[in-house]
PDB file of N, CA and C in Angstrom:
ATOM      1  N   LEU A   1     123.051 146.382 204.188  1.00  0.00           N
ATOM      2  CA  LEU A   1     123.034 145.105 204.862  1.00  0.00           C
ATOM      3  C   LEU A   1     122.374 144.082 203.949  1.00  0.00           C
ATOM      4  N   LEU A   2     123.125 143.084 203.569  1.00  0.00           N
ATOM      5  CA  LEU A   2     122.564 142.016 202.755  1.00  0.00           C
ATOM      6  C   LEU A   2     121.813 141.027 203.633  1.00  0.00           C
ATOM      7  N   ILE A   3     120.689 140.572 203.136  1.00  0.00           N
ATOM      8  CA  ILE A   3     119.914 139.554 203.844  1.00  0.00           C
ATOM      9  C   ILE A   3     120.570 138.209 203.562  1.00  0.00           C
ATOM     10  N   PRO A   4     120.728 137.365 204.575  1.00  0.00           N
ATOM     11  CA  PRO A   4     121.368 136.063 204.364  1.00  0.00           C
ATOM     12  C   PRO A   4     120.669 135.269 203.249  1.00  0.00           C
ATOM     13  N   GLU A   5     121.484 134.593 202.447  1.00  0.00           N
ATOM     14  CA  GLU A   5     120.966 133.886 201.279  1.00  0.00           C
ATOM     15  C   GLU A   5     119.940 132.814 201.646  1.00  0.00           C
ATOM     16  N   ASN A   6     120.117 132.160 202.804  1.00  0.00           N
ATOM     17  CA  ASN A   6     119.142 131.129 203.189  1.00  0.00           C
ATOM     18  C   ASN A   6     117.757 131.736 203.443  1.00  0.00           C
ATOM     19  N   ILE A   7     117.712 132.958 203.934  1.00  0.00           N
ATOM     20  CA  ILE A   7     116.433 133.649 204.144  1.00  0.00           C
ATOM     21  C   ILE A   7     115.820 134.010 202.788  1.00  0.00           C
ATOM     22  N   ILE A   8     116.653 134.518 201.896  1.00  0.00           N
ATOM     23  CA  ILE A   8     116.161 134.889 200.562  1.00  0.00           C
ATOM     24  C   ILE A   8     115.593 133.667 199.844  1.00  0.00           C
ATOM     25  N   LYS A   9     116.289 132.544 199.934  1.00  0.00           N
ATOM     26  CA  LYS A   9     115.801 131.319 199.284  1.00  0.00           C
ATOM     27  C   LYS A   9     114.494 130.840 199.909  1.00  0.00           C
ATOM     28  N   ALA A  10     114.387 130.937 201.219  1.00  0.00           N
ATOM     29  CA  ALA A  10     113.177 130.484 201.913  1.00  0.00           C
ATOM     30  C   ALA A  10     111.960 131.351 201.571  1.00  0.00           C
ATOM     31  N   PHE A  11     112.208 132.608 201.231  1.00  0.00           N
ATOM     32  CA  PHE A  11     111.121 133.542 200.929  1.00  0.00           C
ATOM     33  C   PHE A  11     111.297 134.155 199.542  1.00  0.00           C
ATOM     34  N   SER A  12     111.589 133.322 198.577  1.00  0.00           N
ATOM     35  CA  SER A  12     111.825 133.772 197.206  1.00  0.00           C
ATOM     36  C   SER A  12     110.634 134.575 196.679  1.00  0.00           C
ATOM     37  N   GLN A  13     110.946 135.748 196.125  1.00  0.00           N
ATOM     38  CA  GLN A  13     109.947 136.668 195.575  1.00  0.00           C
ATOM     39  C   GLN A  13     108.903 137.092 196.621  1.00  0.00           C
ATOM     40  N   LYS A  14     109.321 137.145 197.878  1.00  0.00           N
ATOM     41  CA  LYS A  14     108.433 137.593 198.961  1.00  0.00           C
ATOM     42  C   LYS A  14     109.011 138.774 199.735  1.00  0.00           C
ATOM     43  N   ILE A  15     110.327 138.986 199.663  1.00  0.00           N
ATOM     44  CA  ILE A  15     110.972 140.090 200.376  1.00  0.00           C
ATOM     45  C   ILE A  15     111.070 141.262 199.402  1.00  0.00           C
ATOM     46  N   ILE A  16     110.575 142.418 199.842  1.00  0.00           N
ATOM     47  CA  ILE A  16     110.483 143.582 198.964  1.00  0.00           C
ATOM     48  C   ILE A  16     111.291 144.735 199.544  1.00  0.00           C
ATOM     49  N   ASN A  17     111.950 145.461 198.650  1.00  0.00           N
ATOM     50  CA  ASN A  17     112.699 146.655 199.028  1.00  0.00           C
ATOM     51  C   ASN A  17     112.140 147.840 198.252  1.00  0.00           C
ATOM     52  N   ILE A  18     112.120 148.990 198.909  1.00  0.00           N
ATOM     53  CA  ILE A  18     111.804 150.228 198.203  1.00  0.00           C
ATOM     54  C   ILE A  18     113.095 151.034 198.169  1.00  0.00           C
ATOM     55  N   HIS A  19     113.584 151.271 196.970  1.00  0.00           N
ATOM     56  CA  HIS A  19     114.865 151.949 196.780  1.00  0.00           C
ATOM     57  C   HIS A  19     114.598 153.400 196.382  1.00  0.00           C
ATOM     58  N   PRO A  20     115.317 154.360 196.986  1.00  0.00           N
ATOM     59  CA  PRO A  20     115.014 155.771 196.770  1.00  0.00           C
ATOM     60  C   PRO A  20     115.638 156.382 195.517  1.00  0.00           C
ATOM     61  N   ALA A  21     115.697 155.610 194.443  1.00  0.00           N
ATOM     62  CA  ALA A  21     116.226 156.114 193.175  1.00  0.00           C
ATOM     63  C   ALA A  21     115.845 155.129 192.077  1.00  0.00           C
ATOM     64  N   LEU A  22     116.168 155.513 190.854  1.00  0.00           N
ATOM     65  CA  LEU A  22     115.863 154.656 189.719  1.00  0.00           C
ATOM     66  C   LEU A  22     116.983 153.649 189.518  1.00  0.00           C
ATOM     67  N   LEU A  23     116.591 152.394 189.509  1.00  0.00           N
ATOM     68  CA  LEU A  23     117.540 151.307 189.261  1.00  0.00           C
ATOM     69  C   LEU A  23     117.553 151.001 187.766  1.00  0.00           C
ATOM     70  N   PRO A  24     118.663 150.564 187.231  1.00  0.00           N
ATOM     71  CA  PRO A  24     119.879 150.150 187.926  1.00  0.00           C
ATOM     72  C   PRO A  24     120.897 151.274 188.133  1.00  0.00           C
ATOM     73  N   LYS A  25     120.670 152.443 187.533  1.00  0.00           N
ATOM     74  CA  LYS A  25     121.691 153.497 187.531  1.00  0.00           C
ATOM     75  C   LYS A  25     122.155 153.895 188.929  1.00  0.00           C
ATOM     76  N   TYR A  26     121.244 154.013 189.866  1.00  0.00           N
ATOM     77  CA  TYR A  26     121.604 154.473 191.207  1.00  0.00           C
ATOM     78  C   TYR A  26     121.378 153.395 192.257  1.00  0.00           C
ATOM     79  N   GLY A  27     121.871 152.203 191.970  1.00  0.00           N
ATOM     80  CA  GLY A  27     121.750 151.099 192.910  1.00  0.00           C
ATOM     81  C   GLY A  27     123.104 150.569 193.317  1.00  0.00           C
ATOM     82  N   GLY A  28     123.078 149.624 194.226  1.00  0.00           N
ATOM     83  CA  GLY A  28     124.299 148.964 194.663  1.00  0.00           C
ATOM     84  C   GLY A  28     124.718 149.391 196.052  1.00  0.00           C
ATOM     85  N   LYS A  29     125.807 148.799 196.495  1.00  0.00           N
ATOM     86  CA  LYS A  29     126.320 149.062 197.838  1.00  0.00           C
ATOM     87  C   LYS A  29     126.631 150.551 198.002  1.00  0.00           C
ATOM     88  N   GLY A  30     126.170 151.122 199.091  1.00  0.00           N
ATOM     89  CA  GLY A  30     126.423 152.534 199.386  1.00  0.00           C
ATOM     90  C   GLY A  30     125.390 153.487 198.813  1.00  0.00           C
ATOM     91  N   MET A  31     124.498 152.994 197.973  1.00  0.00           N
ATOM     92  CA  MET A  31     123.476 153.855 197.371  1.00  0.00           C
ATOM     93  C   MET A  31     122.189 153.777 198.188  1.00  0.00           C
ATOM     94  N   TYR A  32     122.179 154.521 199.282  1.00  0.00           N
ATOM     95  CA  TYR A  32     121.008 154.564 200.153  1.00  0.00           C
ATOM     96  C   TYR A  32     120.909 155.950 200.762  1.00  0.00           C
ATOM     97  N   GLY A  33     119.720 156.288 201.229  1.00  0.00           N
ATOM     98  CA  GLY A  33     119.505 157.554 201.930  1.00  0.00           C
ATOM     99  C   GLY A  33     120.046 158.754 201.178  1.00  0.00           C
ATOM    100  N   MET A  34     120.640 159.667 201.909  1.00  0.00           N
ATOM    101  CA  MET A  34     121.140 160.905 201.311  1.00  0.00           C
ATOM    102  C   MET A  34     122.295 160.667 200.349  1.00  0.00           C
ATOM    103  N   HIS A  35     122.998 159.555 200.481  1.00  0.00           N
ATOM    104  CA  HIS A  35     124.083 159.255 199.535  1.00  0.00           C
ATOM    105  C   HIS A  35     123.548 159.218 198.107  1.00  0.00           C
ATOM    106  N   VAL A  36     122.430 158.550 197.926  1.00  0.00           N
ATOM    107  CA  VAL A  36     121.868 158.423 196.583  1.00  0.00           C
ATOM    108  C   VAL A  36     121.320 159.766 196.098  1.00  0.00           C
ATOM    109  N   HIS A  37     120.728 160.547 196.969  1.00  0.00           N
ATOM    110  CA  HIS A  37     120.184 161.849 196.562  1.00  0.00           C
ATOM    111  C   HIS A  37     121.311 162.822 196.201  1.00  0.00           C
ATOM    112  N   ARG A  38     122.430 162.747 196.915  1.00  0.00           N
ATOM    113  CA  ARG A  38     123.593 163.577 196.556  1.00  0.00           C
ATOM    114  C   ARG A  38     124.128 163.175 195.183  1.00  0.00           C
ATOM    115  N   ALA A  39     124.192 161.886 194.919  1.00  0.00           N
ATOM    116  CA  ALA A  39     124.685 161.409 193.621  1.00  0.00           C
ATOM    117  C   ALA A  39     123.780 161.898 192.490  1.00  0.00           C
ATOM    118  N   VAL A  40     122.485 161.825 192.695  1.00  0.00           N
ATOM    119  CA  VAL A  40     121.530 162.299 191.689  1.00  0.00           C
ATOM    120  C   VAL A  40     121.720 163.800 191.458  1.00  0.00           C
ATOM    121  N   ALA A  41     121.843 164.583 192.533  1.00  0.00           N
ATOM    122  CA  ALA A  41     122.037 166.034 192.414  1.00  0.00           C
ATOM    123  C   ALA A  41     123.368 166.354 191.741  1.00  0.00           C
ATOM    124  N   ASN A  42     124.437 165.681 192.149  1.00  0.00           N
ATOM    125  CA  ASN A  42     125.762 165.935 191.567  1.00  0.00           C
ATOM    126  C   ASN A  42     125.809 165.626 190.080  1.00  0.00           C
ATOM    127  N   ASN A  43     125.019 164.655 189.644  1.00  0.00           N
ATOM    128  CA  ASN A  43     124.977 164.294 188.224  1.00  0.00           C
ATOM    129  C   ASN A  43     123.986 165.134 187.427  1.00  0.00           C
ATOM    130  N   LYS A  44     123.363 166.088 188.110  1.00  0.00           N
ATOM    131  CA  LYS A  44     122.429 167.017 187.475  1.00  0.00           C
ATOM    132  C   LYS A  44     121.346 166.293 186.663  1.00  0.00           C
ATOM    133  N   GLU A  45     120.806 165.249 187.282  1.00  0.00           N
ATOM    134  CA  GLU A  45     119.744 164.482 186.625  1.00  0.00           C
ATOM    135  C   GLU A  45     118.490 165.336 186.463  1.00  0.00           C
ATOM    136  N   LYS A  46     117.745 165.075 185.417  1.00  0.00           N
ATOM    137  CA  LYS A  46     116.495 165.785 185.163  1.00  0.00           C
ATOM    138  C   LYS A  46     115.297 165.086 185.807  1.00  0.00           C
ATOM    139  N   GLU A  47     115.503 163.840 186.232  1.00  0.00           N
ATOM    140  CA  GLU A  47     114.453 163.105 186.927  1.00  0.00           C
ATOM    141  C   GLU A  47     115.080 162.100 187.879  1.00  0.00           C
ATOM    142  N   THR A  48     114.296 161.707 188.841  1.00  0.00           N
ATOM    143  CA  THR A  48     114.669 160.637 189.759  1.00  0.00           C
ATOM    144  C   THR A  48     113.396 159.878 190.069  1.00  0.00           C
ATOM    145  N   GLY A  49     113.465 159.013 191.056  1.00  0.00           N
ATOM    146  CA  GLY A  49     112.259 158.273 191.382  1.00  0.00           C
ATOM    147  C   GLY A  49     112.509 157.205 192.411  1.00  0.00           C
ATOM    148  N   ILE A  50     111.604 156.239 192.417  1.00  0.00           N
ATOM    149  CA  ILE A  50     111.721 155.101 193.324  1.00  0.00           C
ATOM    150  C   ILE A  50     111.681 153.818 192.513  1.00  0.00           C
ATOM    151  N   SER A  51     112.257 152.794 193.083  1.00  0.00           N
ATOM    152  CA  SER A  51     112.212 151.455 192.502  1.00  0.00           C
ATOM    153  C   SER A  51     111.776 150.501 193.601  1.00  0.00           C
ATOM    154  N   ILE A  52     110.673 149.825 193.369  1.00  0.00           N
ATOM    155  CA  ILE A  52     110.210 148.795 194.291  1.00  0.00           C
ATOM    156  C   ILE A  52     110.563 147.470 193.635  1.00  0.00           C
ATOM    157  N   HIS A  53     111.316 146.639 194.370  1.00  0.00           N
ATOM    158  CA  HIS A  53     111.808 145.405 193.762  1.00  0.00           C
ATOM    159  C   HIS A  53     111.894 144.284 194.782  1.00  0.00           C
ATOM    160  N   TYR A  54     111.919 143.063 194.258  1.00  0.00           N
ATOM    161  CA  TYR A  54     112.155 141.904 195.112  1.00  0.00           C
ATOM    162  C   TYR A  54     113.630 141.866 195.476  1.00  0.00           C
ATOM    163  N   VAL A  55     113.920 141.374 196.658  1.00  0.00           N
ATOM    164  CA  VAL A  55     115.296 141.265 197.141  1.00  0.00           C
ATOM    165  C   VAL A  55     115.868 139.926 196.698  1.00  0.00           C
ATOM    166  N   ASN A  56     117.095 139.981 196.188  1.00  0.00           N
ATOM    167  CA  ASN A  56     117.841 138.753 195.913  1.00  0.00           C
ATOM    168  C   ASN A  56     119.194 138.869 196.606  1.00  0.00           C
ATOM    169  N   LYS A  57     120.153 138.035 196.228  1.00  0.00           N
ATOM    170  CA  LYS A  57     121.423 137.994 196.960  1.00  0.00           C
ATOM    171  C   LYS A  57     122.364 139.151 196.633  1.00  0.00           C
ATOM    172  N   GLU A  58     122.019 140.008 195.684  1.00  0.00           N
ATOM    173  CA  GLU A  58     122.850 141.157 195.336  1.00  0.00           C
ATOM    174  C   GLU A  58     122.105 142.452 195.659  1.00  0.00           C
ATOM    175  N   TYR A  59     122.867 143.494 196.006  1.00  0.00           N
ATOM    176  CA  TYR A  59     122.255 144.790 196.293  1.00  0.00           C
ATOM    177  C   TYR A  59     121.481 145.302 195.084  1.00  0.00           C
ATOM    178  N   ASP A  60     120.201 145.554 195.267  1.00  0.00           N
ATOM    179  CA  ASP A  60     119.364 146.255 194.290  1.00  0.00           C
ATOM    180  C   ASP A  60     119.305 145.594 192.916  1.00  0.00           C
ATOM    181  N   LYS A  61     119.435 144.281 192.873  1.00  0.00           N
ATOM    182  CA  LYS A  61     119.431 143.565 191.589  1.00  0.00           C
ATOM    183  C   LYS A  61     118.199 142.692 191.397  1.00  0.00           C
ATOM    184  N   GLY A  62     117.298 142.655 192.375  1.00  0.00           N
ATOM    185  CA  GLY A  62     116.114 141.812 192.260  1.00  0.00           C
ATOM    186  C   GLY A  62     115.148 142.318 191.199  1.00  0.00           C
ATOM    187  N   ASP A  63     114.221 141.460 190.816  1.00  0.00           N
ATOM    188  CA  ASP A  63     113.235 141.811 189.796  1.00  0.00           C
ATOM    189  C   ASP A  63     112.448 143.048 190.205  1.00  0.00           C
ATOM    190  N   LEU A  64     112.322 143.982 189.257  1.00  0.00           N
ATOM    191  CA  LEU A  64     111.549 145.200 189.504  1.00  0.00           C
ATOM    192  C   LEU A  64     110.060 144.890 189.551  1.00  0.00           C
ATOM    193  N   ILE A  65     109.392 145.514 190.492  1.00  0.00           N
ATOM    194  CA  ILE A  65     107.938 145.435 190.594  1.00  0.00           C
ATOM    195  C   ILE A  65     107.334 146.708 190.016  1.00  0.00           C
ATOM    196  N   LEU A  66     107.929 147.855 190.377  1.00  0.00           N
ATOM    197  CA  LEU A  66     107.402 149.144 189.937  1.00  0.00           C
ATOM    198  C   LEU A  66     108.493 150.200 190.024  1.00  0.00           C
ATOM    199  N   GLN A  67     108.467 151.132 189.082  1.00  0.00           N
ATOM    200  CA  GLN A  67     109.265 152.349 189.188  1.00  0.00           C
ATOM    201  C   GLN A  67     108.326 153.526 188.988  1.00  0.00           C
ATOM    202  N   ALA A  68     108.549 154.576 189.759  1.00  0.00           N
ATOM    203  CA  ALA A  68     107.791 155.816 189.616  1.00  0.00           C
ATOM    204  C   ALA A  68     108.804 156.951 189.570  1.00  0.00           C
ATOM    205  N   LYS A  69     108.526 157.958 188.748  1.00  0.00           N
ATOM    206  CA  LYS A  69     109.486 159.041 188.519  1.00  0.00           C
ATOM    207  C   LYS A  69     108.905 160.393 188.900  1.00  0.00           C
ATOM    208  N   CYS A  70     109.829 161.326 189.168  1.00  0.00           N
ATOM    209  CA  CYS A  70     109.457 162.723 189.356  1.00  0.00           C
ATOM    210  C   CYS A  70     110.509 163.590 188.679  1.00  0.00           C
ATOM    211  N   LYS A  71     110.081 164.747 188.246  1.00  0.00           N
ATOM    212  CA  LYS A  71     110.989 165.677 187.573  1.00  0.00           C
ATOM    213  C   LYS A  71     111.817 166.442 188.603  1.00  0.00           C
ATOM    214  N   LEU A  72     113.022 166.802 188.186  1.00  0.00           N
ATOM    215  CA  LEU A  72     113.918 167.612 189.012  1.00  0.00           C
ATOM    216  C   LEU A  72     114.217 168.913 188.293  1.00  0.00           C
ATOM    217  N   THR A  73     114.564 169.929 189.075  1.00  0.00           N
ATOM    218  CA  THR A  73     115.012 171.197 188.512  1.00  0.00           C
ATOM    219  C   THR A  73     116.482 171.380 188.868  1.00  0.00           C
ATOM    220  N   PRO A  74     117.183 172.237 188.140  1.00  0.00           N
ATOM    221  CA  PRO A  74     118.601 172.471 188.461  1.00  0.00           C
ATOM    222  C   PRO A  74     118.824 173.005 189.877  1.00  0.00           C
ATOM    223  N   LYS A  75     117.811 173.606 190.473  1.00  0.00           N
ATOM    224  CA  LYS A  75     117.941 174.169 191.821  1.00  0.00           C
ATOM    225  C   LYS A  75     117.663 173.154 192.929  1.00  0.00           C
ATOM    226  N   ASP A  76     117.218 171.953 192.586  1.00  0.00           N
ATOM    227  CA  ASP A  76     116.887 170.960 193.608  1.00  0.00           C
ATOM    228  C   ASP A  76     118.136 170.493 194.351  1.00  0.00           C
ATOM    229  N   THR A  77     118.105 170.638 195.652  1.00  0.00           N
ATOM    230  CA  THR A  77     119.187 170.166 196.521  1.00  0.00           C
ATOM    231  C   THR A  77     118.935 168.697 196.859  1.00  0.00           C
ATOM    232  N   PRO A  78     119.924 168.012 197.416  1.00  0.00           N
ATOM    233  CA  PRO A  78     119.665 166.636 197.861  1.00  0.00           C
ATOM    234  C   PRO A  78     118.485 166.541 198.830  1.00  0.00           C
ATOM    235  N   GLU A  79     118.304 167.549 199.662  1.00  0.00           N
ATOM    236  CA  GLU A  79     117.193 167.542 200.616  1.00  0.00           C
ATOM    237  C   GLU A  79     115.836 167.659 199.905  1.00  0.00           C
ATOM    238  N   ILE A  80     115.772 168.513 198.899  1.00  0.00           N
ATOM    239  CA  ILE A  80     114.534 168.643 198.122  1.00  0.00           C
ATOM    240  C   ILE A  80     114.267 167.359 197.344  1.00  0.00           C
ATOM    241  N   ILE A  81     115.320 166.785 196.784  1.00  0.00           N
ATOM    242  CA  ILE A  81     115.182 165.512 196.070  1.00  0.00           C
ATOM    243  C   ILE A  81     114.643 164.446 197.017  1.00  0.00           C
ATOM    244  N   ALA A  82     115.185 164.394 198.228  1.00  0.00           N
ATOM    245  CA  ALA A  82     114.721 163.410 199.214  1.00  0.00           C
ATOM    246  C   ALA A  82     113.231 163.584 199.492  1.00  0.00           C
ATOM    247  N   GLU A  83     112.768 164.811 199.615  1.00  0.00           N
ATOM    248  CA  GLU A  83     111.348 165.054 199.881  1.00  0.00           C
ATOM    249  C   GLU A  83     110.482 164.608 198.704  1.00  0.00           C
ATOM    250  N   LYS A  84     110.929 164.896 197.497  1.00  0.00           N
ATOM    251  CA  LYS A  84     110.174 164.454 196.316  1.00  0.00           C
ATOM    252  C   LYS A  84     110.092 162.926 196.267  1.00  0.00           C
ATOM    253  N   VAL A  85     111.197 162.283 196.574  1.00  0.00           N
ATOM    254  CA  VAL A  85     111.235 160.817 196.574  1.00  0.00           C
ATOM    255  C   VAL A  85     110.336 160.266 197.679  1.00  0.00           C
ATOM    256  N   HIS A  86     110.370 160.885 198.855  1.00  0.00           N
ATOM    257  CA  HIS A  86     109.497 160.432 199.948  1.00  0.00           C
ATOM    258  C   HIS A  86     108.027 160.498 199.540  1.00  0.00           C
ATOM    259  N   GLN A  87     107.648 161.538 198.833  1.00  0.00           N
ATOM    260  CA  GLN A  87     106.256 161.647 198.384  1.00  0.00           C
ATOM    261  C   GLN A  87     105.892 160.495 197.449  1.00  0.00           C
ATOM    262  N   LEU A  88     106.814 160.119 196.573  1.00  0.00           N
ATOM    263  CA  LEU A  88     106.569 158.961 195.702  1.00  0.00           C
ATOM    264  C   LEU A  88     106.419 157.688 196.529  1.00  0.00           C
ATOM    265  N   GLU A  89     107.298 157.531 197.521  1.00  0.00           N
ATOM    266  CA  GLU A  89     107.232 156.337 198.376  1.00  0.00           C
ATOM    267  C   GLU A  89     105.885 156.255 199.083  1.00  0.00           C
ATOM    268  N   TYR A  90     105.432 157.377 199.650  1.00  0.00           N
ATOM    269  CA  TYR A  90     104.165 157.400 200.381  1.00  0.00           C
ATOM    270  C   TYR A  90     102.989 157.062 199.459  1.00  0.00           C
ATOM    271  N   THR A  91     103.081 157.485 198.219  1.00  0.00           N
ATOM    272  CA  THR A  91     102.010 157.246 197.257  1.00  0.00           C
ATOM    273  C   THR A  91     102.016 155.815 196.730  1.00  0.00           C
ATOM    274  N   TYR A  92     103.176 155.342 196.310  1.00  0.00           N
ATOM    275  CA  TYR A  92     103.228 154.087 195.555  1.00  0.00           C
ATOM    276  C   TYR A  92     103.459 152.828 196.382  1.00  0.00           C
ATOM    277  N   PHE A  93     104.159 152.919 197.498  1.00  0.00           N
ATOM    278  CA  PHE A  93     104.477 151.694 198.235  1.00  0.00           C
ATOM    279  C   PHE A  93     103.225 151.002 198.786  1.00  0.00           C
ATOM    280  N   PRO A  94     102.337 151.716 199.487  1.00  0.00           N
ATOM    281  CA  PRO A  94     101.142 151.024 200.002  1.00  0.00           C
ATOM    282  C   PRO A  94     100.289 150.415 198.881  1.00  0.00           C
ATOM    283  N   ALA A  95     100.116 151.144 197.785  1.00  0.00           N
ATOM    284  CA  ALA A  95      99.305 150.634 196.674  1.00  0.00           C
ATOM    285  C   ALA A  95      99.952 149.411 196.037  1.00  0.00           C
ATOM    286  N   THR A  96     101.265 149.408 195.951  1.00  0.00           N
ATOM    287  CA  THR A  96     101.975 148.269 195.372  1.00  0.00           C
ATOM    288  C   THR A  96     101.842 147.043 196.259  1.00  0.00           C
ATOM    289  N   ILE A  97     101.999 147.222 197.553  1.00  0.00           N
ATOM    290  CA  ILE A  97     101.852 146.100 198.487  1.00  0.00           C
ATOM    291  C   ILE A  97     100.427 145.551 198.416  1.00  0.00           C
ATOM    292  N   GLU A  98      99.445 146.440 198.393  1.00  0.00           N
ATOM    293  CA  GLU A  98      98.050 145.995 198.307  1.00  0.00           C
ATOM    294  C   GLU A  98      97.814 145.198 197.025  1.00  0.00           C
ATOM    295  N   LYS A  99      98.334 145.692 195.919  1.00  0.00           N
ATOM    296  CA  LYS A  99      98.173 144.990 194.636  1.00  0.00           C
ATOM    297  C   LYS A  99      98.816 143.602 194.688  1.00  0.00           C
ATOM    298  N   LEU A 100     100.000 143.505 195.268  1.00  0.00           N
ATOM    299  CA  LEU A 100     100.676 142.209 195.382  1.00  0.00           C
ATOM    300  C   LEU A 100      99.891 141.251 196.273  1.00  0.00           C
ATOM    301  N   LEU A 101      99.361 141.756 197.371  1.00  0.00           N
ATOM    302  CA  LEU A 101      98.564 140.913 198.267  1.00  0.00           C
ATOM    303  C   LEU A 101      97.291 140.423 197.584  1.00  0.00           C
ATOM    304  N   MET A 102      96.666 141.285 196.820  1.00  0.00           N
ATOM    305  CA  MET A 102      95.438 140.901 196.112  1.00  0.00           C
ATOM    306  C   MET A 102      95.726 139.853 195.037  1.00  0.00           C
ATOM    307  N   SER A 103      96.890 139.925 194.423  1.00  0.00           N
ATOM    308  CA  SER A 103      97.225 138.961 193.362  1.00  0.00           C
ATOM    309  C   SER A 103      97.563 137.591 193.936  1.00  0.00           C
ATOM    310  N   ASP A 104      97.885 137.524 195.236  1.00  0.00           N
ATOM    311  CA  ASP A 104      98.193 136.244 195.888  1.00  0.00           C
ATOM    312  C   ASP A 104      96.939 135.484 196.306  1.00  0.00           C
ATOM    313  N   GLU A 105      95.792 136.146 196.286  1.00  0.00           N
ATOM    314  CA  GLU A 105      94.556 135.497 196.765  1.00  0.00           C
ATOM    315  C   GLU A 105      94.016 134.519 195.748  1.00  0.00           C
TER     316      GLU A 105
END
């Protein structure tokens, strides 16, 4: 779901997305949830991660704030990949938001 452009313009560099893969390789329309984890598994990637970025008018194209990575094994299923990614999200998203809020003061 794209956010309307008038909202993006009104809140430029204020709307943040946490994407469950490394951008730009695994971004764009349809790259969300288990779809992205299946793509990572099918491509036999050795690592994946999260991308925290500002939202702009295109899917997953906003300026990157942070990327964090984790290693994968050949036996990792999309479900295991999802769990590894969730752990990164739980670790990095709150700290990133706090850092951004502190920099605005």
